[in-house]
Amino acid sequence: MSPRLTNQFELAADAYQAMVQVEVALQSSGVDLRLLELVKLRVSQINGCAFCLDMHLRVARSLGENELRIQLLNAWRDSSLYSERERAALDWAECLTLLSDRGAPDEVYDRLSAQFDAREQSYLTFAIGAINLWNRLQVGFRAAHSQEALRVAG
């Protein structure tokens, strides 16, 4: 599959820089970076974004995320490997990514607010919104993911 655009970030440089600033804010938010990567991975799985999956798999591994937890992420509800805090974040991420399916139910928000203070909820929700936007940009313009793994394996 060939990319539709390769210079989208140059063409919309001010918007791109604003998104980069959101990511910088998320990195210094105090929310656990491994948790943020799990959320970004799960949202990217739902949205089918190969580019973001490739990138966030690398980041999660570099942060020491367990390989089995990465592999089982799409079945997090059926695995005991995820904490209640992670479950609350993942459920919130799924709701906000699939808004038309179930909205943002009170029971999901209640679980989130039991695990995260208001500041953390805000940053987590910004992270979910941001990765959804990145996914839409990369999927929409057919951004090519890294070929490094294929070269090494082949």
N, C-alpha and C. Protein backbone atom coordinates (compact mmCIF):
# COMPACT_ATOMS: atom_id res chain seq x y z
N MET A 1 0.84 -1.16 0.00
CA MET A 1 0.00 0.00 0.00
C MET A 1 0.90 1.24 0.00
N SER A 2 0.65 2.14 -0.90
CA SER A 2 1.50 3.32 -0.99
C SER A 2 0.86 4.51 -0.26
N PRO A 3 1.72 5.35 0.34
CA PRO A 3 1.22 6.52 1.07
C PRO A 3 0.47 7.48 0.15
N ARG A 4 -0.54 8.11 0.69
CA ARG A 4 -1.30 9.11 -0.05
C ARG A 4 -0.60 10.46 0.00
N LEU A 5 -0.02 10.78 1.15
CA LEU A 5 0.78 11.99 1.33
C LEU A 5 2.00 11.60 2.15
N THR A 6 3.10 12.25 1.87
CA THR A 6 4.30 12.00 2.67
C THR A 6 4.77 13.27 3.38
N ASN A 7 4.13 14.38 3.08
CA ASN A 7 4.56 15.65 3.67
C ASN A 7 3.43 16.35 4.42
N GLN A 8 2.48 15.57 4.94
CA GLN A 8 1.33 16.16 5.62
C GLN A 8 1.73 17.02 6.81
N PHE A 9 2.82 16.66 7.47
CA PHE A 9 3.22 17.42 8.65
C PHE A 9 3.92 18.72 8.26
N GLU A 10 4.52 18.76 7.10
CA GLU A 10 5.07 20.01 6.58
C GLU A 10 3.96 20.92 6.10
N LEU A 11 2.96 20.34 5.45
CA LEU A 11 1.85 21.11 4.91
C LEU A 11 1.01 21.75 6.01
N ALA A 12 0.96 21.12 7.16
CA ALA A 12 0.19 21.64 8.30
C ALA A 12 1.12 21.76 9.50
N ALA A 13 2.23 22.45 9.30
CA ALA A 13 3.29 22.50 10.30
C ALA A 13 2.81 23.06 11.64
N ASP A 14 1.95 24.06 11.63
CA ASP A 14 1.49 24.62 12.90
C ASP A 14 0.63 23.62 13.66
N ALA A 15 -0.22 22.89 12.96
CA ALA A 15 -1.05 21.86 13.61
C ALA A 15 -0.17 20.73 14.13
N TYR A 16 0.81 20.33 13.33
CA TYR A 16 1.73 19.28 13.75
C TYR A 16 2.49 19.70 15.02
N GLN A 17 2.98 20.92 15.06
CA GLN A 17 3.72 21.40 16.23
C GLN A 17 2.82 21.43 17.47
N ALA A 18 1.54 21.77 17.28
CA ALA A 18 0.60 21.75 18.40
C ALA A 18 0.43 20.32 18.93
N MET A 19 0.36 19.35 18.04
CA MET A 19 0.25 17.94 18.46
C MET A 19 1.52 17.49 19.18
N VAL A 20 2.66 17.91 18.69
CA VAL A 20 3.92 17.58 19.36
C VAL A 20 3.92 18.15 20.77
N GLN A 21 3.41 19.36 20.94
CA GLN A 21 3.36 19.97 22.26
C GLN A 21 2.42 19.20 23.20
N VAL A 22 1.33 18.67 22.67
CA VAL A 22 0.45 17.81 23.48
C VAL A 22 1.24 16.60 23.96
N GLU A 23 2.00 15.98 23.06
CA GLU A 23 2.80 14.80 23.44
C GLU A 23 3.85 15.15 24.49
N VAL A 24 4.47 16.30 24.36
CA VAL A 24 5.45 16.75 25.36
C VAL A 24 4.75 16.91 26.72
N ALA A 25 3.58 17.51 26.73
CA ALA A 25 2.83 17.68 27.97
C ALA A 25 2.47 16.33 28.58
N LEU A 26 2.09 15.38 27.75
CA LEU A 26 1.74 14.04 28.25
C LEU A 26 2.94 13.36 28.88
N GLN A 27 4.10 13.52 28.27
CA GLN A 27 5.32 12.90 28.79
C GLN A 27 5.70 13.43 30.17
N SER A 28 5.37 14.67 30.43
CA SER A 28 5.72 15.26 31.73
C SER A 28 4.52 15.39 32.66
N SER A 29 3.43 14.70 32.35
CA SER A 29 2.19 14.82 33.12
C SER A 29 2.22 14.12 34.46
N GLY A 30 3.14 13.18 34.62
CA GLY A 30 3.16 12.38 35.83
C GLY A 30 2.37 11.09 35.71
N VAL A 31 1.59 10.94 34.64
CA VAL A 31 0.88 9.68 34.40
C VAL A 31 1.93 8.66 33.94
N ASP A 32 1.86 7.47 34.48
CA ASP A 32 2.82 6.41 34.17
C ASP A 32 2.98 6.24 32.66
N LEU A 33 4.21 6.33 32.18
CA LEU A 33 4.46 6.27 30.74
C LEU A 33 4.12 4.90 30.16
N ARG A 34 4.36 3.84 30.92
CA ARG A 34 3.99 2.50 30.42
C ARG A 34 2.48 2.38 30.25
N LEU A 35 1.73 2.95 31.18
CA LEU A 35 0.27 2.95 31.06
C LEU A 35 -0.16 3.73 29.82
N LEU A 36 0.45 4.90 29.61
CA LEU A 36 0.11 5.68 28.42
C LEU A 36 0.39 4.89 27.14
N GLU A 37 1.48 4.14 27.13
CA GLU A 37 1.79 3.33 25.95
C GLU A 37 0.79 2.20 25.76
N LEU A 38 0.35 1.57 26.84
CA LEU A 38 -0.69 0.54 26.72
C LEU A 38 -1.96 1.13 26.12
N VAL A 39 -2.33 2.30 26.58
CA VAL A 39 -3.52 2.97 26.05
C VAL A 39 -3.33 3.29 24.57
N LYS A 40 -2.17 3.82 24.21
CA LYS A 40 -1.91 4.15 22.80
C LYS A 40 -1.92 2.89 21.93
N LEU A 41 -1.38 1.82 22.45
CA LEU A 41 -1.40 0.56 21.71
C LEU A 41 -2.82 0.05 21.52
N ARG A 42 -3.61 0.08 22.59
CA ARG A 42 -4.98 -0.45 22.50
C ARG A 42 -5.81 0.38 21.53
N VAL A 43 -5.72 1.68 21.60
CA VAL A 43 -6.47 2.53 20.68
C VAL A 43 -6.01 2.28 19.24
N SER A 44 -4.71 2.14 19.05
CA SER A 44 -4.19 1.89 17.70
C SER A 44 -4.62 0.52 17.18
N GLN A 45 -4.77 -0.47 18.07
CA GLN A 45 -5.32 -1.77 17.65
C GLN A 45 -6.75 -1.59 17.15
N ILE A 46 -7.55 -0.89 17.92
CA ILE A 46 -8.96 -0.67 17.54
C ILE A 46 -9.04 0.04 16.20
N ASN A 47 -8.20 1.05 16.01
CA ASN A 47 -8.24 1.86 14.79
C ASN A 47 -7.48 1.25 13.62
N GLY A 48 -6.79 0.14 13.85
CA GLY A 48 -6.06 -0.52 12.77
C GLY A 48 -4.92 0.31 12.22
N CYS A 49 -4.20 1.01 13.08
CA CYS A 49 -3.11 1.87 12.62
C CYS A 49 -1.76 1.15 12.76
N ALA A 50 -1.29 0.57 11.67
CA ALA A 50 -0.03 -0.17 11.68
C ALA A 50 1.15 0.74 12.04
N PHE A 51 1.16 1.96 11.54
CA PHE A 51 2.25 2.88 11.83
C PHE A 51 2.36 3.12 13.34
N CYS A 52 1.23 3.45 13.98
CA CYS A 52 1.26 3.75 15.42
C CYS A 52 1.51 2.49 16.24
N LEU A 53 0.97 1.36 15.82
CA LEU A 53 1.25 0.11 16.53
C LEU A 53 2.74 -0.18 16.52
N ASP A 54 3.36 -0.07 15.36
CA ASP A 54 4.80 -0.31 15.23
C ASP A 54 5.58 0.62 16.16
N MET A 55 5.26 1.90 16.12
CA MET A 55 5.98 2.87 16.93
C MET A 55 5.77 2.63 18.42
N HIS A 56 4.53 2.44 18.85
CA HIS A 56 4.25 2.31 20.28
C HIS A 56 4.65 0.95 20.84
N LEU A 57 4.73 -0.07 19.99
CA LEU A 57 5.31 -1.34 20.44
C LEU A 57 6.77 -1.14 20.81
N ARG A 58 7.48 -0.41 19.98
CA ARG A 58 8.89 -0.14 20.25
C ARG A 58 9.07 0.66 21.54
N VAL A 59 8.23 1.68 21.71
CA VAL A 59 8.33 2.51 22.91
C VAL A 59 7.99 1.69 24.16
N ALA A 60 6.91 0.92 24.10
CA ALA A 60 6.50 0.11 25.25
C ALA A 60 7.62 -0.86 25.65
N ARG A 61 8.21 -1.49 24.66
CA ARG A 61 9.33 -2.41 24.96
C ARG A 61 10.51 -1.67 25.56
N SER A 62 10.80 -0.48 25.05
CA SER A 62 11.93 0.29 25.58
C SER A 62 11.69 0.72 27.02
N LEU A 63 10.43 0.83 27.42
CA LEU A 63 10.08 1.20 28.79
C LEU A 63 10.00 -0.03 29.70
N GLY A 64 10.28 -1.20 29.13
CA GLY A 64 10.30 -2.42 29.92
C GLY A 64 8.97 -3.14 30.01
N GLU A 65 8.04 -2.80 29.14
CA GLU A 65 6.75 -3.49 29.18
C GLU A 65 6.93 -4.96 28.85
N ASN A 66 6.22 -5.80 29.56
CA ASN A 66 6.27 -7.25 29.42
C ASN A 66 5.68 -7.68 28.07
N GLU A 67 6.39 -8.56 27.37
CA GLU A 67 5.96 -9.00 26.04
C GLU A 67 4.60 -9.70 26.05
N LEU A 68 4.35 -10.51 27.05
CA LEU A 68 3.06 -11.21 27.11
C LEU A 68 1.92 -10.22 27.32
N ARG A 69 2.14 -9.21 28.13
CA ARG A 69 1.10 -8.18 28.32
C ARG A 69 0.83 -7.44 27.02
N ILE A 70 1.86 -7.21 26.24
CA ILE A 70 1.68 -6.57 24.93
C ILE A 70 0.86 -7.49 24.03
N GLN A 71 1.22 -8.76 24.00
CA GLN A 71 0.54 -9.71 23.12
C GLN A 71 -0.93 -9.92 23.51
N LEU A 72 -1.22 -9.84 24.80
CA LEU A 72 -2.59 -10.08 25.26
C LEU A 72 -3.43 -8.81 25.39
N LEU A 73 -2.89 -7.70 24.97
CA LEU A 73 -3.58 -6.43 25.18
C LEU A 73 -4.97 -6.41 24.57
N ASN A 74 -5.15 -7.00 23.40
CA ASN A 74 -6.48 -6.97 22.78
C ASN A 74 -7.48 -7.86 23.52
N ALA A 75 -7.00 -8.64 24.49
CA ALA A 75 -7.87 -9.48 25.32
C ALA A 75 -7.69 -9.12 26.80
N TRP A 76 -7.45 -7.87 27.09
CA TRP A 76 -7.15 -7.44 28.47
C TRP A 76 -8.25 -7.80 29.45
N ARG A 77 -9.50 -7.83 28.99
CA ARG A 77 -10.61 -8.16 29.90
C ARG A 77 -10.53 -9.61 30.39
N ASP A 78 -9.92 -10.47 29.60
CA ASP A 78 -9.85 -11.90 29.91
C ASP A 78 -8.52 -12.32 30.51
N SER A 79 -7.68 -11.37 30.86
CA SER A 79 -6.36 -11.68 31.40
C SER A 79 -6.20 -11.06 32.79
N SER A 80 -5.53 -11.80 33.65
CA SER A 80 -5.27 -11.28 35.00
C SER A 80 -3.97 -10.47 35.06
N LEU A 81 -3.35 -10.21 33.91
CA LEU A 81 -2.06 -9.51 33.89
C LEU A 81 -2.17 -7.99 34.02
N TYR A 82 -3.39 -7.47 34.03
CA TYR A 82 -3.58 -6.02 34.06
C TYR A 82 -4.20 -5.60 35.39
N SER A 83 -3.67 -4.54 35.96
CA SER A 83 -4.16 -4.03 37.25
C SER A 83 -5.53 -3.37 37.07
N GLU A 84 -6.19 -3.11 38.19
CA GLU A 84 -7.48 -2.40 38.14
C GLU A 84 -7.30 -1.01 37.55
N ARG A 85 -6.20 -0.38 37.84
CA ARG A 85 -5.91 0.95 37.30
C ARG A 85 -5.78 0.88 35.77
N GLU A 86 -5.03 -0.12 35.29
CA GLU A 86 -4.88 -0.29 33.85
C GLU A 86 -6.21 -0.63 33.19
N ARG A 87 -7.00 -1.47 33.83
CA ARG A 87 -8.31 -1.84 33.29
C ARG A 87 -9.22 -0.63 33.16
N ALA A 88 -9.19 0.23 34.17
CA ALA A 88 -10.01 1.44 34.12
C ALA A 88 -9.58 2.33 32.95
N ALA A 89 -8.28 2.48 32.78
CA ALA A 89 -7.77 3.31 31.68
C ALA A 89 -8.08 2.70 30.32
N LEU A 90 -7.92 1.40 30.19
CA LEU A 90 -8.18 0.74 28.91
C LEU A 90 -9.67 0.79 28.55
N ASP A 91 -10.53 0.60 29.55
CA ASP A 91 -11.97 0.67 29.29
C ASP A 91 -12.36 2.08 28.86
N TRP A 92 -11.81 3.09 29.54
CA TRP A 92 -12.07 4.49 29.18
C TRP A 92 -11.58 4.76 27.75
N ALA A 93 -10.40 4.26 27.44
CA ALA A 93 -9.84 4.46 26.09
C ALA A 93 -10.73 3.83 25.03
N GLU A 94 -11.22 2.63 25.30
CA GLU A 94 -12.10 1.96 24.33
C GLU A 94 -13.40 2.74 24.15
N CYS A 95 -13.98 3.21 25.26
CA CYS A 95 -15.22 3.98 25.16
C CYS A 95 -15.04 5.24 24.31
N LEU A 96 -13.96 5.98 24.59
CA LEU A 96 -13.76 7.24 23.88
C LEU A 96 -13.34 7.02 22.44
N THR A 97 -12.77 5.87 22.13
CA THR A 97 -12.39 5.56 20.75
C THR A 97 -13.61 5.08 19.96
N LEU A 98 -14.51 4.38 20.62
CA LEU A 98 -15.70 3.83 19.99
C LEU A 98 -16.95 4.55 20.50
N LEU A 99 -16.93 5.85 20.50
CA LEU A 99 -18.03 6.63 21.06
C LEU A 99 -19.39 6.26 20.49
N SER A 100 -19.47 6.01 19.20
CA SER A 100 -20.77 5.72 18.60
C SER A 100 -21.33 4.38 19.04
N ASP A 101 -20.48 3.48 19.55
CA ASP A 101 -20.95 2.17 20.00
C ASP A 101 -21.59 2.21 21.38
N ARG A 102 -20.94 2.89 22.32
CA ARG A 102 -21.47 2.85 23.69
C ARG A 102 -21.34 4.16 24.45
N GLY A 103 -20.82 5.19 23.82
CA GLY A 103 -20.66 6.45 24.50
C GLY A 103 -19.62 6.34 25.61
N ALA A 104 -19.80 7.13 26.65
CA ALA A 104 -18.91 7.11 27.81
C ALA A 104 -19.79 6.88 29.05
N PRO A 105 -20.15 5.63 29.30
CA PRO A 105 -21.10 5.32 30.38
C PRO A 105 -20.59 5.72 31.76
N ASP A 106 -21.53 6.05 32.63
CA ASP A 106 -21.19 6.44 33.99
C ASP A 106 -20.39 5.37 34.71
N GLU A 107 -20.74 4.11 34.54
CA GLU A 107 -20.03 3.05 35.26
C GLU A 107 -18.56 2.96 34.84
N VAL A 108 -18.27 3.25 33.58
CA VAL A 108 -16.87 3.25 33.13
C VAL A 108 -16.14 4.45 33.72
N TYR A 109 -16.81 5.60 33.70
CA TYR A 109 -16.20 6.79 34.30
C TYR A 109 -16.01 6.62 35.81
N ASP A 110 -16.97 5.99 36.46
CA ASP A 110 -16.84 5.76 37.90
C ASP A 110 -15.63 4.90 38.23
N ARG A 111 -15.38 3.87 37.43
CA ARG A 111 -14.18 3.04 37.63
C ARG A 111 -12.91 3.86 37.39
N LEU A 112 -12.96 4.70 36.36
CA LEU A 112 -11.82 5.57 36.07
C LEU A 112 -11.55 6.52 37.24
N SER A 113 -12.59 7.17 37.72
CA SER A 113 -12.40 8.16 38.79
C SER A 113 -12.02 7.51 40.12
N ALA A 114 -12.30 6.22 40.27
CA ALA A 114 -11.86 5.51 41.48
C ALA A 114 -10.35 5.23 41.45
N GLN A 115 -9.77 5.23 40.26
CA GLN A 115 -8.35 4.89 40.10
C GLN A 115 -7.46 6.10 39.81
N PHE A 116 -8.04 7.16 39.28
CA PHE A 116 -7.26 8.32 38.84
C PHE A 116 -7.85 9.59 39.42
N ASP A 117 -6.99 10.50 39.85
CA ASP A 117 -7.49 11.79 40.30
C ASP A 117 -7.88 12.63 39.09
N ALA A 118 -8.49 13.78 39.33
CA ALA A 118 -9.02 14.60 38.24
C ALA A 118 -7.93 15.03 37.25
N ARG A 119 -6.77 15.36 37.75
CA ARG A 119 -5.66 15.76 36.86
C ARG A 119 -5.25 14.60 35.96
N GLU A 120 -5.09 13.42 36.55
CA GLU A 120 -4.72 12.24 35.77
C GLU A 120 -5.80 11.90 34.75
N GLN A 121 -7.05 12.02 35.14
CA GLN A 121 -8.16 11.77 34.20
C GLN A 121 -8.06 12.70 33.00
N SER A 122 -7.74 13.95 33.27
CA SER A 122 -7.62 14.94 32.19
C SER A 122 -6.50 14.57 31.23
N TYR A 123 -5.33 14.28 31.78
CA TYR A 123 -4.21 13.92 30.91
C TYR A 123 -4.47 12.61 30.17
N LEU A 124 -5.04 11.64 30.83
CA LEU A 124 -5.34 10.38 30.18
C LEU A 124 -6.32 10.59 29.02
N THR A 125 -7.31 11.43 29.23
CA THR A 125 -8.29 11.71 28.18
C THR A 125 -7.65 12.48 27.03
N PHE A 126 -6.74 13.40 27.34
CA PHE A 126 -6.00 14.06 26.26
C PHE A 126 -5.17 13.04 25.48
N ALA A 127 -4.55 12.09 26.18
CA ALA A 127 -3.76 11.06 25.50
C ALA A 127 -4.62 10.23 24.58
N ILE A 128 -5.80 9.88 25.02
CA ILE A 128 -6.72 9.08 24.19
C ILE A 128 -7.14 9.88 22.96
N GLY A 129 -7.48 11.13 23.17
CA GLY A 129 -7.85 11.98 22.04
C GLY A 129 -6.71 12.16 21.06
N ALA A 130 -5.51 12.35 21.59
CA ALA A 130 -4.34 12.56 20.73
C ALA A 130 -4.03 11.33 19.90
N ILE A 131 -4.02 10.14 20.52
CA ILE A 131 -3.68 8.95 19.74
C ILE A 131 -4.77 8.67 18.70
N ASN A 132 -6.00 8.98 19.02
CA ASN A 132 -7.04 8.83 18.00
C ASN A 132 -6.79 9.76 16.81
N LEU A 133 -6.36 10.98 17.07
CA LEU A 133 -6.04 11.90 15.97
C LEU A 133 -4.82 11.40 15.19
N TRP A 134 -3.75 10.99 15.89
CA TRP A 134 -2.58 10.44 15.19
C TRP A 134 -2.99 9.25 14.33
N ASN A 135 -3.81 8.35 14.86
CA ASN A 135 -4.26 7.18 14.08
C ASN A 135 -5.00 7.62 12.83
N ARG A 136 -5.87 8.59 12.95
CA ARG A 136 -6.64 9.04 11.80
C ARG A 136 -5.75 9.69 10.73
N LEU A 137 -4.74 10.42 11.18
CA LEU A 137 -3.79 10.99 10.23
C LEU A 137 -3.01 9.89 9.51
N GLN A 138 -2.48 8.95 10.28
CA GLN A 138 -1.61 7.92 9.69
C GLN A 138 -2.41 6.94 8.83
N VAL A 139 -3.58 6.53 9.28
CA VAL A 139 -4.41 5.63 8.48
C VAL A 139 -4.93 6.36 7.24
N GLY A 140 -5.42 7.58 7.45
CA GLY A 140 -5.98 8.35 6.33
C GLY A 140 -4.98 8.60 5.21
N PHE A 141 -3.75 8.90 5.57
CA PHE A 141 -2.72 9.17 4.57
C PHE A 141 -1.85 7.96 4.27
N ARG A 142 -2.23 6.81 4.84
CA ARG A 142 -1.53 5.54 4.61
C ARG A 142 -0.04 5.63 4.92
N ALA A 143 0.28 6.11 6.09
CA ALA A 143 1.68 6.22 6.49
C ALA A 143 2.30 4.82 6.56
N ALA A 144 3.48 4.70 6.02
CA ALA A 144 4.18 3.41 6.02
C ALA A 144 4.82 3.18 7.38
N HIS A 145 4.62 1.98 7.91
CA HIS A 145 5.29 1.64 9.17
C HIS A 145 6.70 1.15 8.86
N SER A 146 7.47 0.99 9.91
CA SER A 146 8.87 0.58 9.78
C SER A 146 9.00 -0.77 9.10
N GLN A 147 9.96 -0.90 8.25
CA GLN A 147 10.24 -2.18 7.58
C GLN A 147 11.39 -2.91 8.24
N GLU A 148 11.95 -2.34 9.30
CA GLU A 148 13.13 -2.91 9.94
C GLU A 148 12.92 -4.35 10.38
N ALA A 149 11.82 -4.65 11.01
CA ALA A 149 11.56 -6.01 11.51
C ALA A 149 11.50 -7.01 10.36
N LEU A 150 10.93 -6.60 9.25
CA LEU A 150 10.85 -7.49 8.10
C LEU A 150 12.22 -7.75 7.49
N ARG A 151 13.07 -6.73 7.45
CA ARG A 151 14.42 -6.90 6.92
C ARG A 151 15.23 -7.83 7.79
N VAL A 152 15.10 -7.71 9.10
CA VAL A 152 15.84 -8.55 10.03
C VAL A 152 15.37 -9.99 9.93
N ALA A 153 14.05 -10.20 9.86
CA ALA A 153 13.48 -11.55 9.81
C ALA A 153 13.73 -12.23 8.47
N GLY A 154 13.78 -11.44 7.43
CA GLY A 154 13.89 -12.01 6.07
C GLY A 154 15.28 -12.27 5.71
